[in-house]
Each structure stands twice: as C-alpha cells, then as structure tokens.
Amino acid sequence: MTLVLFFGCLFVTFGPALALFFLFIANNNQLIILTIGGSFFWLLSILVASLWWFIIPPLRTTFAFVIPFSVLFQELGRYAFYRLFDWGFSASTRPPPPPPSSSLFFKKNSKPQPPPNNSD
C-alpha cells in the first residue's frame, strides 16, 4: 500500500510540471536551455538569500526583513539571467563577418579566359 501511495503522491506532485514540460518545452531546444538556466539562477538567488539570512542574526526572527531581501535577490538573479541570455542570443544571431576580399583570388581588371578549344 505504501508503494501505491508513493507513486500516487509522485504523479500528483510532478504530473502538471512534467505535462507542461513535455507538451511545450521539450519540442524546442532553446526553451530547454532557458528553463534549465532560469532554474539554476533561481537556485543561486535562493542560496544568496539563505546566506544573507544566516549571516545576519537579527534577520532570523523578523520575517518582515527577510522576505523583501529574498525577493530582491530573486529579481537580481532574474535580471542577471536576462542579461546573460540576451548577450548569448545576440552573439549567436550576429551576422557573420564579410568574406575575404575577392582581390585575394582574382587579379583586378582581368577578363575571364575562355575555355580552351578542343577541336582536334
């Protein structure tokens, strides 16, 4: 019975998130990278917020100061991820450099040579 309860709770908990992932996100590689990167930056912001809470002892008892700082760290992490993603996306969509000059391959003011005549 505990195994049935375990899988029931597992599917109820992760079912909606997995359904959204497989229906909308898994079809696009860029969305997968965006989802994993956003999750990583969210975890970093929670880590910074918990370190802030641990370092300053008066914050441990007053949640009125803990919550605004946590929200601030999450928004800073979101902005940092946006800047990183925008920088990477603009670098990947930048037009390629122009090809080398044609003067490297052809002489200037030269006319194309006609093909040789093989009338033997």
PDB file of N, CA and C in Angstrom:
ATOM      1  N   MET A   1       0.812  -1.191   0.000  1.00  0.00           N
ATOM      2  CA  MET A   1       0.000   0.000   0.000  1.00  0.00           C
ATOM      3  C   MET A   1       0.863   1.266   0.000  1.00  0.00           C
ATOM      4  N   THR A   2       2.032   1.213   0.659  1.00  0.00           N
ATOM      5  CA  THR A   2       2.877   2.402   0.694  1.00  0.00           C
ATOM      6  C   THR A   2       3.456   2.707  -0.679  1.00  0.00           C
ATOM      7  N   LEU A   3       3.706   1.680  -1.481  1.00  0.00           N
ATOM      8  CA  LEU A   3       4.223   1.915  -2.824  1.00  0.00           C
ATOM      9  C   LEU A   3       3.172   2.596  -3.700  1.00  0.00           C
ATOM     10  N   VAL A   4       1.928   2.178  -3.568  1.00  0.00           N
ATOM     11  CA  VAL A   4       0.846   2.813  -4.321  1.00  0.00           C
ATOM     12  C   VAL A   4       0.684   4.269  -3.889  1.00  0.00           C
ATOM     13  N   LEU A   5       0.756   4.523  -2.590  1.00  0.00           N
ATOM     14  CA  LEU A   5       0.657   5.881  -2.080  1.00  0.00           C
ATOM     15  C   LEU A   5       1.834   6.734  -2.569  1.00  0.00           C
ATOM     16  N   PHE A   6       3.026   6.130  -2.587  1.00  0.00           N
ATOM     17  CA  PHE A   6       4.208   6.846  -3.056  1.00  0.00           C
ATOM     18  C   PHE A   6       4.033   7.280  -4.507  1.00  0.00           C
ATOM     19  N   PHE A   7       3.653   6.369  -5.390  1.00  0.00           N
ATOM     20  CA  PHE A   7       3.504   6.729  -6.798  1.00  0.00           C
ATOM     21  C   PHE A   7       2.327   7.669  -7.022  1.00  0.00           C
ATOM     22  N   GLY A   8       1.264   7.530  -6.245  1.00  0.00           N
ATOM     23  CA  GLY A   8       0.148   8.466  -6.360  1.00  0.00           C
ATOM     24  C   GLY A   8       0.562   9.878  -6.006  1.00  0.00           C
ATOM     25  N   CYS A   9       1.264  10.024  -4.894  1.00  0.00           N
ATOM     26  CA  CYS A   9       1.755  11.350  -4.498  1.00  0.00           C
ATOM     27  C   CYS A   9       2.777  11.884  -5.495  1.00  0.00           C
ATOM     28  N   LEU A  10       3.608  10.997  -6.025  1.00  0.00           N
ATOM     29  CA  LEU A  10       4.620  11.396  -7.009  1.00  0.00           C
ATOM     30  C   LEU A  10       3.966  11.951  -8.265  1.00  0.00           C
ATOM     31  N   PHE A  11       2.958  11.254  -8.789  1.00  0.00           N
ATOM     32  CA  PHE A  11       2.298  11.702 -10.010  1.00  0.00           C
ATOM     33  C   PHE A  11       1.456  12.949  -9.786  1.00  0.00           C
ATOM     34  N   VAL A  12       0.847  13.062  -8.619  1.00  0.00           N
ATOM     35  CA  VAL A  12       0.080  14.276  -8.324  1.00  0.00           C
ATOM     36  C   VAL A  12       1.029  15.471  -8.198  1.00  0.00           C
ATOM     37  N   THR A  13       2.186  15.255  -7.604  1.00  0.00           N
ATOM     38  CA  THR A  13       3.126  16.351  -7.394  1.00  0.00           C
ATOM     39  C   THR A  13       3.793  16.786  -8.689  1.00  0.00           C
ATOM     40  N   PHE A  14       4.356  15.844  -9.429  1.00  0.00           N
ATOM     41  CA  PHE A  14       5.144  16.189 -10.607  1.00  0.00           C
ATOM     42  C   PHE A  14       4.381  16.076 -11.911  1.00  0.00           C
ATOM     43  N   GLY A  15       3.159  15.624 -11.888  1.00  0.00           N
ATOM     44  CA  GLY A  15       2.376  15.449 -13.110  1.00  0.00           C
ATOM     45  C   GLY A  15       2.166  16.734 -13.897  1.00  0.00           C
ATOM     46  N   PRO A  16       1.667  17.806 -13.274  1.00  0.00           N
ATOM     47  CA  PRO A  16       1.462  19.040 -14.041  1.00  0.00           C
ATOM     48  C   PRO A  16       2.754  19.626 -14.606  1.00  0.00           C
ATOM     49  N   ALA A  17       3.813  19.597 -13.826  1.00  0.00           N
ATOM     50  CA  ALA A  17       5.084  20.152 -14.307  1.00  0.00           C
ATOM     51  C   ALA A  17       5.633  19.323 -15.463  1.00  0.00           C
ATOM     52  N   LEU A  18       5.554  18.001 -15.346  1.00  0.00           N
ATOM     53  CA  LEU A  18       6.034  17.151 -16.439  1.00  0.00           C
ATOM     54  C   LEU A  18       5.165  17.275 -17.682  1.00  0.00           C
ATOM     55  N   ALA A  19       3.864  17.439 -17.501  1.00  0.00           N
ATOM     56  CA  ALA A  19       2.976  17.625 -18.646  1.00  0.00           C
ATOM     57  C   ALA A  19       3.306  18.923 -19.381  1.00  0.00           C
ATOM     58  N   LEU A  20       3.504  20.003 -18.642  1.00  0.00           N
ATOM     59  CA  LEU A  20       3.890  21.267 -19.276  1.00  0.00           C
ATOM     60  C   LEU A  20       5.241  21.145 -19.974  1.00  0.00           C
ATOM     61  N   PHE A  21       6.167  20.442 -19.333  1.00  0.00           N
ATOM     62  CA  PHE A  21       7.483  20.288 -19.937  1.00  0.00           C
ATOM     63  C   PHE A  21       7.409  19.512 -21.250  1.00  0.00           C
ATOM     64  N   PHE A  22       6.737  18.378 -21.243  1.00  0.00           N
ATOM     65  CA  PHE A  22       6.716  17.544 -22.449  1.00  0.00           C
ATOM     66  C   PHE A  22       5.812  18.109 -23.536  1.00  0.00           C
ATOM     67  N   LEU A  23       4.782  18.848 -23.172  1.00  0.00           N
ATOM     68  CA  LEU A  23       3.886  19.400 -24.188  1.00  0.00           C
ATOM     69  C   LEU A  23       4.447  20.649 -24.859  1.00  0.00           C
ATOM     70  N   PHE A  24       5.117  21.507 -24.106  1.00  0.00           N
ATOM     71  CA  PHE A  24       5.504  22.797 -24.651  1.00  0.00           C
ATOM     72  C   PHE A  24       7.010  23.019 -24.735  1.00  0.00           C
ATOM     73  N   ILE A  25       7.749  22.567 -23.766  1.00  0.00           N
ATOM     74  CA  ILE A  25       9.163  22.931 -23.674  1.00  0.00           C
ATOM     75  C   ILE A  25      10.069  21.944 -24.397  1.00  0.00           C
ATOM     76  N   ALA A  26       9.771  20.660 -24.318  1.00  0.00           N
ATOM     77  CA  ALA A  26      10.677  19.639 -24.850  1.00  0.00           C
ATOM     78  C   ALA A  26      10.810  19.695 -26.365  1.00  0.00           C
ATOM     79  N   ASN A  27       9.904  20.369 -27.056  1.00  0.00           N
ATOM     80  CA  ASN A  27       9.972  20.429 -28.512  1.00  0.00           C
ATOM     81  C   ASN A  27      10.971  21.457 -29.019  1.00  0.00           C
ATOM     82  N   ASN A  28      11.432  22.352 -28.172  1.00  0.00           N
ATOM     83  CA  ASN A  28      12.308  23.432 -28.594  1.00  0.00           C
ATOM     84  C   ASN A  28      13.577  23.421 -27.737  1.00  0.00           C
ATOM     85  N   ASN A  29      14.727  23.272 -28.370  1.00  0.00           N
ATOM     86  CA  ASN A  29      15.995  23.202 -27.631  1.00  0.00           C
ATOM     87  C   ASN A  29      16.293  24.491 -26.885  1.00  0.00           C
ATOM     88  N   GLN A  30      15.940  25.616 -27.478  1.00  0.00           N
ATOM     89  CA  GLN A  30      16.212  26.890 -26.833  1.00  0.00           C
ATOM     90  C   GLN A  30      15.377  27.051 -25.560  1.00  0.00           C
ATOM     91  N   LEU A  31      14.157  26.546 -25.564  1.00  0.00           N
ATOM     92  CA  LEU A  31      13.331  26.617 -24.358  1.00  0.00           C
ATOM     93  C   LEU A  31      13.864  25.708 -23.254  1.00  0.00           C
ATOM     94  N   ILE A  32      14.461  24.586 -23.627  1.00  0.00           N
ATOM     95  CA  ILE A  32      15.070  23.706 -22.630  1.00  0.00           C
ATOM     96  C   ILE A  32      16.236  24.416 -21.950  1.00  0.00           C
ATOM     97  N   ILE A  33      17.083  25.065 -22.740  1.00  0.00           N
ATOM     98  CA  ILE A  33      18.214  25.803 -22.183  1.00  0.00           C
ATOM     99  C   ILE A  33      17.718  26.951 -21.314  1.00  0.00           C
ATOM    100  N   LEU A  34      16.677  27.639 -21.769  1.00  0.00           N
ATOM    101  CA  LEU A  34      16.110  28.741 -20.995  1.00  0.00           C
ATOM    102  C   LEU A  34      15.534  28.252 -19.669  1.00  0.00           C
ATOM    103  N   THR A  35      14.861  27.110 -19.676  1.00  0.00           N
ATOM    104  CA  THR A  35      14.264  26.569 -18.456  1.00  0.00           C
ATOM    105  C   THR A  35      15.333  26.137 -17.457  1.00  0.00           C
ATOM    106  N   ILE A  36      16.331  25.420 -17.928  1.00  0.00           N
ATOM    107  CA  ILE A  36      17.385  24.943 -17.025  1.00  0.00           C
ATOM    108  C   ILE A  36      18.216  26.116 -16.507  1.00  0.00           C
ATOM    109  N   GLY A  37      18.522  27.071 -17.368  1.00  0.00           N
ATOM    110  CA  GLY A  37      19.284  28.244 -16.935  1.00  0.00           C
ATOM    111  C   GLY A  37      18.511  29.085 -15.937  1.00  0.00           C
ATOM    112  N   GLY A  38      17.217  29.282 -16.179  1.00  0.00           N
ATOM    113  CA  GLY A  38      16.397  30.033 -15.235  1.00  0.00           C
ATOM    114  C   GLY A  38      16.302  29.344 -13.889  1.00  0.00           C
ATOM    115  N   SER A  39      16.192  28.017 -13.907  1.00  0.00           N
ATOM    116  CA  SER A  39      16.146  27.260 -12.654  1.00  0.00           C
ATOM    117  C   SER A  39      17.458  27.395 -11.887  1.00  0.00           C
ATOM    118  N   PHE A  40      18.566  27.362 -12.613  1.00  0.00           N
ATOM    119  CA  PHE A  40      19.865  27.489 -11.965  1.00  0.00           C
ATOM    120  C   PHE A  40      20.017  28.863 -11.317  1.00  0.00           C
ATOM    121  N   PHE A  41      19.633  29.924 -12.031  1.00  0.00           N
ATOM    122  CA  PHE A  41      19.747  31.256 -11.454  1.00  0.00           C
ATOM    123  C   PHE A  41      18.780  31.446 -10.294  1.00  0.00           C
ATOM    124  N   TRP A  42      17.619  30.802 -10.341  1.00  0.00           N
ATOM    125  CA  TRP A  42      16.698  30.873  -9.212  1.00  0.00           C
ATOM    126  C   TRP A  42      17.317  30.195  -7.990  1.00  0.00           C
ATOM    127  N   LEU A  43      17.957  29.040  -8.182  1.00  0.00           N
ATOM    128  CA  LEU A  43      18.619  28.367  -7.066  1.00  0.00           C
ATOM    129  C   LEU A  43      19.760  29.216  -6.498  1.00  0.00           C
ATOM    130  N   LEU A  44      20.505  29.889  -7.384  1.00  0.00           N
ATOM    131  CA  LEU A  44      21.573  30.776  -6.900  1.00  0.00           C
ATOM    132  C   LEU A  44      21.003  31.924  -6.068  1.00  0.00           C
ATOM    133  N   SER A  45      19.882  32.488  -6.493  1.00  0.00           N
ATOM    134  CA  SER A  45      19.308  33.597  -5.731  1.00  0.00           C
ATOM    135  C   SER A  45      18.787  33.116  -4.377  1.00  0.00           C
ATOM    136  N   ILE A  46      18.223  31.905  -4.326  1.00  0.00           N
ATOM    137  CA  ILE A  46      17.782  31.356  -3.043  1.00  0.00           C
ATOM    138  C   ILE A  46      18.988  31.073  -2.141  1.00  0.00           C
ATOM    139  N   LEU A  47      20.090  30.632  -2.737  1.00  0.00           N
ATOM    140  CA  LEU A  47      21.308  30.412  -1.955  1.00  0.00           C
ATOM    141  C   LEU A  47      21.819  31.718  -1.358  1.00  0.00           C
ATOM    142  N   VAL A  48      21.837  32.778  -2.153  1.00  0.00           N
ATOM    143  CA  VAL A  48      22.288  34.078  -1.645  1.00  0.00           C
ATOM    144  C   VAL A  48      21.350  34.574  -0.552  1.00  0.00           C
ATOM    145  N   ALA A  49      20.050  34.394  -0.732  1.00  0.00           N
ATOM    146  CA  ALA A  49      19.090  34.825   0.288  1.00  0.00           C
ATOM    147  C   ALA A  49      19.271  34.043   1.580  1.00  0.00           C
ATOM    148  N   SER A  50      19.529  32.733   1.478  1.00  0.00           N
ATOM    149  CA  SER A  50      19.720  31.945   2.699  1.00  0.00           C
ATOM    150  C   SER A  50      21.042  32.296   3.388  1.00  0.00           C
ATOM    151  N   LEU A  51      22.077  32.596   2.606  1.00  0.00           N
ATOM    152  CA  LEU A  51      23.333  33.050   3.218  1.00  0.00           C
ATOM    153  C   LEU A  51      23.142  34.402   3.906  1.00  0.00           C
ATOM    154  N   TRP A  52      22.371  35.281   3.293  1.00  0.00           N
ATOM    155  CA  TRP A  52      22.074  36.577   3.903  1.00  0.00           C
ATOM    156  C   TRP A  52      21.330  36.378   5.226  1.00  0.00           C
ATOM    157  N   TRP A  53      20.382  35.462   5.232  1.00  0.00           N
ATOM    158  CA  TRP A  53      19.625  35.166   6.442  1.00  0.00           C
ATOM    159  C   TRP A  53      20.528  34.570   7.523  1.00  0.00           C
ATOM    160  N   PHE A  54      21.483  33.735   7.121  1.00  0.00           N
ATOM    161  CA  PHE A  54      22.353  33.065   8.084  1.00  0.00           C
ATOM    162  C   PHE A  54      23.405  34.017   8.641  1.00  0.00           C
ATOM    163  N   ILE A  55      23.904  34.933   7.817  1.00  0.00           N
ATOM    164  CA  ILE A  55      24.996  35.816   8.243  1.00  0.00           C
ATOM    165  C   ILE A  55      24.506  36.878   9.225  1.00  0.00           C
ATOM    166  N   ILE A  56      23.290  37.400   9.016  1.00  0.00           N
ATOM    167  CA  ILE A  56      22.781  38.475   9.862  1.00  0.00           C
ATOM    168  C   ILE A  56      21.789  37.886  10.871  1.00  0.00           C
ATOM    169  N   PRO A  57      22.216  37.710  12.117  1.00  0.00           N
ATOM    170  CA  PRO A  57      21.346  37.054  13.109  1.00  0.00           C
ATOM    171  C   PRO A  57      20.020  37.761  13.405  1.00  0.00           C
ATOM    172  N   PRO A  58      19.924  39.100  13.399  1.00  0.00           N
ATOM    173  CA  PRO A  58      18.609  39.690  13.676  1.00  0.00           C
ATOM    174  C   PRO A  58      17.549  39.358  12.614  1.00  0.00           C
ATOM    175  N   LEU A  59      17.984  38.996  11.426  1.00  0.00           N
ATOM    176  CA  LEU A  59      17.024  38.658  10.376  1.00  0.00           C
ATOM    177  C   LEU A  59      16.340  37.318  10.633  1.00  0.00           C
ATOM    178  N   ARG A  60      16.900  36.512  11.504  1.00  0.00           N
ATOM    179  CA  ARG A  60      16.344  35.175  11.739  1.00  0.00           C
ATOM    180  C   ARG A  60      15.006  35.220  12.464  1.00  0.00           C
ATOM    181  N   THR A  61      14.749  36.292  13.155  1.00  0.00           N
ATOM    182  CA  THR A  61      13.500  36.361  13.914  1.00  0.00           C
ATOM    183  C   THR A  61      12.475  37.292  13.280  1.00  0.00           C
ATOM    184  N   THR A  62      12.898  38.168  12.396  1.00  0.00           N
ATOM    185  CA  THR A  62      11.993  39.146  11.804  1.00  0.00           C
ATOM    186  C   THR A  62      11.822  38.834  10.319  1.00  0.00           C
ATOM    187  N   PHE A  63      10.666  38.272   9.995  1.00  0.00           N
ATOM    188  CA  PHE A  63      10.428  37.902   8.597  1.00  0.00           C
ATOM    189  C   PHE A  63      10.085  39.106   7.733  1.00  0.00           C
ATOM    190  N   ALA A  64       9.767  40.227   8.347  1.00  0.00           N
ATOM    191  CA  ALA A  64       9.455  41.429   7.578  1.00  0.00           C
ATOM    192  C   ALA A  64      10.680  41.942   6.823  1.00  0.00           C
ATOM    193  N   PHE A  65      11.872  41.590   7.275  1.00  0.00           N
ATOM    194  CA  PHE A  65      13.086  41.982   6.573  1.00  0.00           C
ATOM    195  C   PHE A  65      13.631  40.857   5.702  1.00  0.00           C
ATOM    196  N   VAL A  66      13.314  39.639   6.026  1.00  0.00           N
ATOM    197  CA  VAL A  66      13.830  38.506   5.263  1.00  0.00           C
ATOM    198  C   VAL A  66      13.155  38.424   3.892  1.00  0.00           C
ATOM    199  N   ILE A  67      11.857  38.575   3.864  1.00  0.00           N
ATOM    200  CA  ILE A  67      11.110  38.396   2.615  1.00  0.00           C
ATOM    201  C   ILE A  67      11.471  39.456   1.575  1.00  0.00           C
ATOM    202  N   PRO A  68      11.545  40.753   1.913  1.00  0.00           N
ATOM    203  CA  PRO A  68      11.941  41.723   0.869  1.00  0.00           C
ATOM    204  C   PRO A  68      13.336  41.485   0.319  1.00  0.00           C
ATOM    205  N   PHE A  69      14.267  41.087   1.176  1.00  0.00           N
ATOM    206  CA  PHE A  69      15.605  40.803   0.672  1.00  0.00           C
ATOM    207  C   PHE A  69      15.614  39.567  -0.219  1.00  0.00           C
ATOM    208  N   SER A  70      14.828  38.567   0.125  1.00  0.00           N
ATOM    209  CA  SER A  70      14.739  37.375  -0.719  1.00  0.00           C
ATOM    210  C   SER A  70      14.163  37.716  -2.088  1.00  0.00           C
ATOM    211  N   VAL A  71      13.126  38.537  -2.094  1.00  0.00           N
ATOM    212  CA  VAL A  71      12.534  38.963  -3.364  1.00  0.00           C
ATOM    213  C   VAL A  71      13.525  39.790  -4.166  1.00  0.00           C
ATOM    214  N   LEU A  72      14.261  40.654  -3.490  1.00  0.00           N
ATOM    215  CA  LEU A  72      15.271  41.467  -4.169  1.00  0.00           C
ATOM    216  C   LEU A  72      16.340  40.582  -4.797  1.00  0.00           C
ATOM    217  N   PHE A  73      16.818  39.584  -4.075  1.00  0.00           N
ATOM    218  CA  PHE A  73      17.840  38.692  -4.628  1.00  0.00           C
ATOM    219  C   PHE A  73      17.290  37.884  -5.809  1.00  0.00           C
ATOM    220  N   GLN A  74      16.037  37.476  -5.736  1.00  0.00           N
ATOM    221  CA  GLN A  74      15.449  36.737  -6.851  1.00  0.00           C
ATOM    222  C   GLN A  74      15.315  37.627  -8.084  1.00  0.00           C
ATOM    223  N   GLU A  75      14.925  38.872  -7.886  1.00  0.00           N
ATOM    224  CA  GLU A  75      14.793  39.777  -9.027  1.00  0.00           C
ATOM    225  C   GLU A  75      16.165  40.120  -9.614  1.00  0.00           C
ATOM    226  N   LEU A  76      17.173  40.264  -8.769  1.00  0.00           N
ATOM    227  CA  LEU A  76      18.528  40.500  -9.281  1.00  0.00           C
ATOM    228  C   LEU A  76      19.044  39.291 -10.061  1.00  0.00           C
ATOM    229  N   GLY A  77      18.742  38.090  -9.567  1.00  0.00           N
ATOM    230  CA  GLY A  77      19.122  36.884 -10.302  1.00  0.00           C
ATOM    231  C   GLY A  77      18.387  36.766 -11.619  1.00  0.00           C
ATOM    232  N   ARG A  78      17.120  37.149 -11.638  1.00  0.00           N
ATOM    233  CA  ARG A  78      16.347  37.118 -12.879  1.00  0.00           C
ATOM    234  C   ARG A  78      16.913  38.108 -13.888  1.00  0.00           C
ATOM    235  N   TYR A  79      17.261  39.309 -13.413  1.00  0.00           N
ATOM    236  CA  TYR A  79      17.840  40.308 -14.312  1.00  0.00           C
ATOM    237  C   TYR A  79      19.207  39.855 -14.831  1.00  0.00           C
ATOM    238  N   ALA A  80      20.014  39.250 -13.959  1.00  0.00           N
ATOM    239  CA  ALA A  80      21.328  38.758 -14.393  1.00  0.00           C
ATOM    240  C   ALA A  80      21.165  37.661 -15.448  1.00  0.00           C
ATOM    241  N   PHE A  81      20.198  36.780 -15.267  1.00  0.00           N
ATOM    242  CA  PHE A  81      19.970  35.736 -16.262  1.00  0.00           C
ATOM    243  C   PHE A  81      19.469  36.335 -17.569  1.00  0.00           C
ATOM    244  N   TYR A  82      18.614  37.346 -17.497  1.00  0.00           N
ATOM    245  CA  TYR A  82      18.141  38.012 -18.706  1.00  0.00           C
ATOM    246  C   TYR A  82      19.306  38.632 -19.463  1.00  0.00           C
ATOM    247  N   ARG A  83      20.202  39.316 -18.749  1.00  0.00           N
ATOM    248  CA  ARG A  83      21.355  39.938 -19.419  1.00  0.00           C
ATOM    249  C   ARG A  83      22.265  38.881 -20.040  1.00  0.00           C
ATOM    250  N   LEU A  84      22.489  37.780 -19.330  1.00  0.00           N
ATOM    251  CA  LEU A  84      23.324  36.714 -19.862  1.00  0.00           C
ATOM    252  C   LEU A  84      22.682  36.075 -21.091  1.00  0.00           C
ATOM    253  N   PHE A  85      21.387  35.807 -21.031  1.00  0.00           N
ATOM    254  CA  PHE A  85      20.696  35.199 -22.159  1.00  0.00           C
ATOM    255  C   PHE A  85      20.653  36.154 -23.340  1.00  0.00           C
ATOM    256  N   ASP A  86      20.411  37.434 -23.099  1.00  0.00           N
ATOM    257  CA  ASP A  86      20.391  38.417 -24.177  1.00  0.00           C
ATOM    258  C   ASP A  86      21.763  38.549 -24.821  1.00  0.00           C
ATOM    259  N   TRP A  87      22.809  38.527 -24.011  1.00  0.00           N
ATOM    260  CA  TRP A  87      24.168  38.609 -24.548  1.00  0.00           C
ATOM    261  C   TRP A  87      24.481  37.379 -25.399  1.00  0.00           C
ATOM    262  N   GLY A  88      24.135  36.197 -24.918  1.00  0.00           N
ATOM    263  CA  GLY A  88      24.406  34.989 -25.678  1.00  0.00           C
ATOM    264  C   GLY A  88      23.564  34.895 -26.929  1.00  0.00           C
ATOM    265  N   PHE A  89      22.295  35.332 -26.852  1.00  0.00           N
ATOM    266  CA  PHE A  89      21.429  35.258 -28.015  1.00  0.00           C
ATOM    267  C   PHE A  89      21.870  36.253 -29.079  1.00  0.00           C
ATOM    268  N   SER A  90      22.296  37.457 -28.673  1.00  0.00           N
ATOM    269  CA  SER A  90      22.747  38.433 -29.668  1.00  0.00           C
ATOM    270  C   SER A  90      24.072  37.998 -30.289  1.00  0.00           C
ATOM    271  N   ALA A  91      24.888  37.292 -29.529  1.00  0.00           N
ATOM    272  CA  ALA A  91      26.147  36.805 -30.101  1.00  0.00           C
ATOM    273  C   ALA A  91      25.895  35.673 -31.088  1.00  0.00           C
ATOM    274  N   SER A  92      24.855  34.873 -30.852  1.00  0.00           N
ATOM    275  CA  SER A  92      24.593  33.766 -31.762  1.00  0.00           C
ATOM    276  C   SER A  92      23.847  34.207 -33.006  1.00  0.00           C
ATOM    277  N   THR A  93      23.168  35.350 -32.975  1.00  0.00           N
ATOM    278  CA  THR A  93      22.440  35.822 -34.150  1.00  0.00           C
ATOM    279  C   THR A  93      23.156  36.968 -34.849  1.00  0.00           C
ATOM    280  N   ARG A  94      24.351  37.270 -34.434  1.00  0.00           N
ATOM    281  CA  ARG A  94      25.138  38.316 -35.069  1.00  0.00           C
ATOM    282  C   ARG A  94      25.459  37.888 -36.496  1.00  0.00           C
ATOM    283  N   PRO A  95      25.384  38.805 -37.466  1.00  0.00           N
ATOM    284  CA  PRO A  95      25.703  38.397 -38.836  1.00  0.00           C
ATOM    285  C   PRO A  95      27.165  37.985 -38.952  1.00  0.00           C
ATOM    286  N   PRO A  96      27.440  37.027 -39.795  1.00  0.00           N
ATOM    287  CA  PRO A  96      28.834  36.582 -39.925  1.00  0.00           C
ATOM    288  C   PRO A  96      29.691  37.681 -40.538  1.00  0.00           C
ATOM    289  N   PRO A  97      30.992  37.621 -40.320  1.00  0.00           N
ATOM    290  CA  PRO A  97      31.867  38.641 -40.907  1.00  0.00           C
ATOM    291  C   PRO A  97      31.848  38.523 -42.424  1.00  0.00           C
ATOM    292  N   PRO A  98      32.150  39.607 -43.117  1.00  0.00           N
ATOM    293  CA  PRO A  98      32.146  39.538 -44.583  1.00  0.00           C
ATOM    294  C   PRO A  98      33.222  38.589 -45.079  1.00  0.00           C
ATOM    295  N   PRO A  99      33.017  38.008 -46.256  1.00  0.00           N
ATOM    296  CA  PRO A  99      34.028  37.094 -46.785  1.00  0.00           C
ATOM    297  C   PRO A  99      35.296  37.854 -47.136  1.00  0.00           C
ATOM    298  N   PRO A 100      36.394  37.148 -47.279  1.00  0.00           N
ATOM    299  CA  PRO A 100      37.640  37.827 -47.639  1.00  0.00           C
ATOM    300  C   PRO A 100      37.493  38.525 -48.985  1.00  0.00           C
ATOM    301  N   SER A 101      38.315  39.505 -49.174  1.00  0.00           N
ATOM    302  CA  SER A 101      38.254  40.287 -50.401  1.00  0.00           C
ATOM    303  C   SER A 101      38.501  39.396 -51.606  1.00  0.00           C
ATOM    304  N   SER A 102      37.797  39.693 -52.681  1.00  0.00           N
ATOM    305  CA  SER A 102      37.973  38.888 -53.886  1.00  0.00           C
ATOM    306  C   SER A 102      39.309  39.171 -54.548  1.00  0.00           C
ATOM    307  N   SER A 103      39.986  40.245 -54.129  1.00  0.00           N
ATOM    308  CA  SER A 103      41.289  40.543 -54.728  1.00  0.00           C
ATOM    309  C   SER A 103      42.321  39.498 -54.323  1.00  0.00           C
ATOM    310  N   LEU A 104      42.050  38.727 -53.306  1.00  0.00           N
ATOM    311  CA  LEU A 104      42.979  37.670 -52.939  1.00  0.00           C
ATOM    312  C   LEU A 104      42.947  36.528 -53.941  1.00  0.00           C
ATOM    313  N   PHE A 105      41.819  36.366 -54.625  1.00  0.00           N
ATOM    314  CA  PHE A 105      41.651  35.225 -55.503  1.00  0.00           C
ATOM    315  C   PHE A 105      41.755  35.578 -56.987  1.00  0.00           C
ATOM    316  N   PHE A 106      41.433  36.791 -57.349  1.00  0.00           N
ATOM    317  CA  PHE A 106      41.437  37.183 -58.759  1.00  0.00           C
ATOM    318  C   PHE A 106      42.249  38.452 -58.931  1.00  0.00           C
ATOM    319  N   LYS A 107      42.860  38.582 -60.087  1.00  0.00           N
ATOM    320  CA  LYS A 107      43.562  39.818 -60.396  1.00  0.00           C
ATOM    321  C   LYS A 107      42.546  40.872 -60.777  1.00  0.00           C
ATOM    322  N   LYS A 108      42.836  42.094 -60.413  1.00  0.00           N
ATOM    323  CA  LYS A 108      41.927  43.172 -60.764  1.00  0.00           C
ATOM    324  C   LYS A 108      42.041  43.473 -62.250  1.00  0.00           C
ATOM    325  N   ASN A 109      40.942  43.883 -62.813  1.00  0.00           N
ATOM    326  CA  ASN A 109      40.856  44.262 -64.227  1.00  0.00           C
ATOM    327  C   ASN A 109      41.260  43.127 -65.153  1.00  0.00           C
ATOM    328  N   SER A 110      41.068  41.928 -64.764  1.00  0.00           N
ATOM    329  CA  SER A 110      41.368  40.814 -65.664  1.00  0.00           C
ATOM    330  C   SER A 110      40.059  40.260 -66.199  1.00  0.00           C
ATOM    331  N   LYS A 111      40.067  39.936 -67.466  1.00  0.00           N
ATOM    332  CA  LYS A 111      38.881  39.375 -68.093  1.00  0.00           C
ATOM    333  C   LYS A 111      38.917  37.860 -67.946  1.00  0.00           C
ATOM    334  N   PRO A 112      37.786  37.262 -67.809  1.00  0.00           N
ATOM    335  CA  PRO A 112      37.794  35.802 -67.715  1.00  0.00           C
ATOM    336  C   PRO A 112      38.273  35.171 -69.016  1.00  0.00           C
ATOM    337  N   GLN A 113      39.089  34.153 -68.879  1.00  0.00           N
ATOM    338  CA  GLN A 113      39.631  33.444 -70.036  1.00  0.00           C
ATOM    339  C   GLN A 113      38.573  32.500 -70.603  1.00  0.00           C
ATOM    340  N   PRO A 114      38.434  32.458 -71.902  1.00  0.00           N
ATOM    341  CA  PRO A 114      37.503  31.481 -72.494  1.00  0.00           C
ATOM    342  C   PRO A 114      38.045  30.076 -72.323  1.00  0.00           C
ATOM    343  N   PRO A 115      37.161  29.094 -72.282  1.00  0.00           N
ATOM    344  CA  PRO A 115      37.644  27.722 -72.145  1.00  0.00           C
ATOM    345  C   PRO A 115      38.468  27.318 -73.366  1.00  0.00           C
ATOM    346  N   PRO A 116      39.414  26.424 -73.169  1.00  0.00           N
ATOM    347  CA  PRO A 116      40.249  26.007 -74.335  1.00  0.00           C
ATOM    348  C   PRO A 116      39.383  25.270 -75.352  1.00  0.00           C
ATOM    349  N   ASN A 117      39.775  25.469 -76.589  1.00  0.00           N
ATOM    350  CA  ASN A 117      39.043  24.866 -77.698  1.00  0.00           C
ATOM    351  C   ASN A 117      39.662  23.501 -78.016  1.00  0.00           C
ATOM    352  N   ASN A 118      38.958  22.446 -77.805  1.00  0.00           N
ATOM    353  CA  ASN A 118      39.452  21.097 -78.099  1.00  0.00           C
ATOM    354  C   ASN A 118      38.840  20.608 -79.402  1.00  0.00           C
ATOM    355  N   SER A 119      39.255  21.170 -80.488  1.00  0.00           N
ATOM    356  CA  SER A 119      38.715  20.760 -81.784  1.00  0.00           C
ATOM    357  C   SER A 119      39.675  19.846 -82.521  1.00  0.00           C
ATOM    358  N   ASP A 120      40.304  18.964 -81.889  1.00  0.00           N
ATOM    359  CA  ASP A 120      41.259  18.051 -82.525  1.00  0.00           C
ATOM    360  C   ASP A 120      40.562  17.059 -83.378  1.00  0.00           C
TER     361      ASP A 120
END
